[in-house]
Protein backbone atom coordinates (compact mmCIF):
# COMPACT_ATOMS: atom_id res chain seq x y z
CA MET A 1 0.00 0.00 0.00
CA PRO A 2 1.47 3.40 -0.98
CA ALA A 3 2.27 5.90 1.75
CA LYS A 4 -0.30 8.59 2.50
CA LYS A 5 0.10 11.72 0.40
CA HIS A 6 0.26 15.08 2.21
CA THR A 7 -0.15 18.17 0.01
CA PHE A 8 0.67 21.68 1.19
CA ASP A 9 -0.41 24.48 -1.18
CA ILE A 10 1.51 27.29 0.48
CA GLY A 11 2.02 29.78 -2.35
CA GLU A 12 0.00 32.44 -0.52
CA LEU A 13 2.03 31.92 2.66
CA SER A 14 5.53 31.63 1.20
CA SER A 15 7.33 33.88 -1.24
CA ALA A 16 9.70 31.07 -2.26
CA ILE A 17 7.65 27.86 -2.38
CA ASP A 18 4.27 27.27 -4.03
CA LYS A 19 3.61 23.64 -3.14
CA VAL A 20 5.10 20.75 -1.19
CA VAL A 21 3.91 17.16 -1.48
CA VAL A 22 5.17 14.56 1.00
CA GLN A 23 4.57 10.87 0.35
CA GLY A 24 6.57 8.57 2.56
CA SER A 25 10.22 9.51 2.13
CA LYS A 26 9.58 11.30 -1.17
CA VAL A 27 9.15 15.08 -1.23
CA PHE A 28 8.10 17.09 -4.28
CA ILE A 29 8.63 20.86 -4.23
CA ASN A 30 7.39 23.53 -6.65
CA PHE A 31 9.24 26.80 -6.18
CA SER A 32 7.53 30.14 -6.87
CA GLY A 33 7.84 31.28 -10.49
CA ASN A 34 9.12 27.89 -11.62
CA GLU A 35 7.14 25.47 -13.76
CA ARG A 36 9.19 22.48 -12.62
CA THR A 37 8.75 20.10 -9.74
CA TYR A 38 11.85 18.95 -7.88
CA GLU A 39 11.91 15.52 -6.29
CA TYR A 40 13.77 14.96 -3.04
CA LYS A 41 14.28 12.16 -0.56
CA TRP A 42 13.65 12.97 3.11
CA LYS A 43 15.86 10.79 5.31
CA PRO A 44 14.38 11.23 8.82
CA ALA A 45 10.82 10.14 9.62
CA SER A 46 8.39 12.01 7.35
CA SER A 47 6.32 12.90 10.42
CA LYS A 48 9.01 15.46 11.35
CA LEU A 49 8.72 17.21 7.98
CA ILE A 50 4.92 17.08 8.05
CA ALA A 51 4.92 18.58 11.55
CA VAL A 52 7.09 21.50 10.37
CA LEU A 53 4.85 22.10 7.33
CA ASP A 54 1.68 21.87 9.44
CA GLY A 55 3.17 24.39 11.86
CA PHE A 56 4.03 26.71 8.97
CA VAL A 57 0.48 26.52 7.58
CA LYS A 58 -1.02 27.28 11.00
CA ASN A 59 1.41 30.12 11.74
CA PRO A 60 3.71 31.14 8.84
CA GLU A 61 5.81 33.32 11.14
CA SER A 62 6.67 30.35 13.39
CA VAL A 63 9.06 28.79 10.87
CA SER A 64 11.40 30.20 8.25
CA LEU A 65 10.67 27.69 5.51
CA GLY A 66 13.65 28.86 3.45
CA ARG A 67 16.01 28.40 6.39
CA PHE A 68 14.51 24.97 7.15
CA TYR A 69 14.92 23.94 3.49
CA ASN A 70 18.57 25.12 3.33
CA THR A 71 19.47 23.56 6.69
CA SER A 72 17.86 20.27 5.65
CA LEU A 73 19.80 20.23 2.37
CA LYS A 74 23.12 21.08 4.02
CA GLY A 75 22.54 18.56 6.81
CA GLY A 76 21.72 15.75 4.40
CA ASP A 77 18.14 15.27 5.63
CA LEU A 78 16.78 16.43 2.26
CA VAL A 79 18.53 15.07 -0.85
CA GLN A 80 17.58 16.12 -4.40
CA ILE A 81 16.84 13.16 -6.63
CA THR A 82 15.67 14.73 -9.89
CA THR A 83 13.80 17.52 -11.63
CA ILE A 84 10.39 16.65 -13.05
CA SER A 85 9.07 18.86 -15.83
């Protein structure tokens, strides 16, 4: 059975990211002004990422999504797999 899909349409809340989809360890991100979707692998439990995104949706000022994204990339928690057109 495929993992549950969590979709976050956050374009109105974020100036950098339009949409994030989390399904198991796979993460798909659409950046603002970009027609492409980028596929990533999330290494820790997906519940951690979903909790951060839920918190951002409830209170956008509680989390710097850009900082979280950059820290996750640098720390190896988020690894880019491919670009999907």
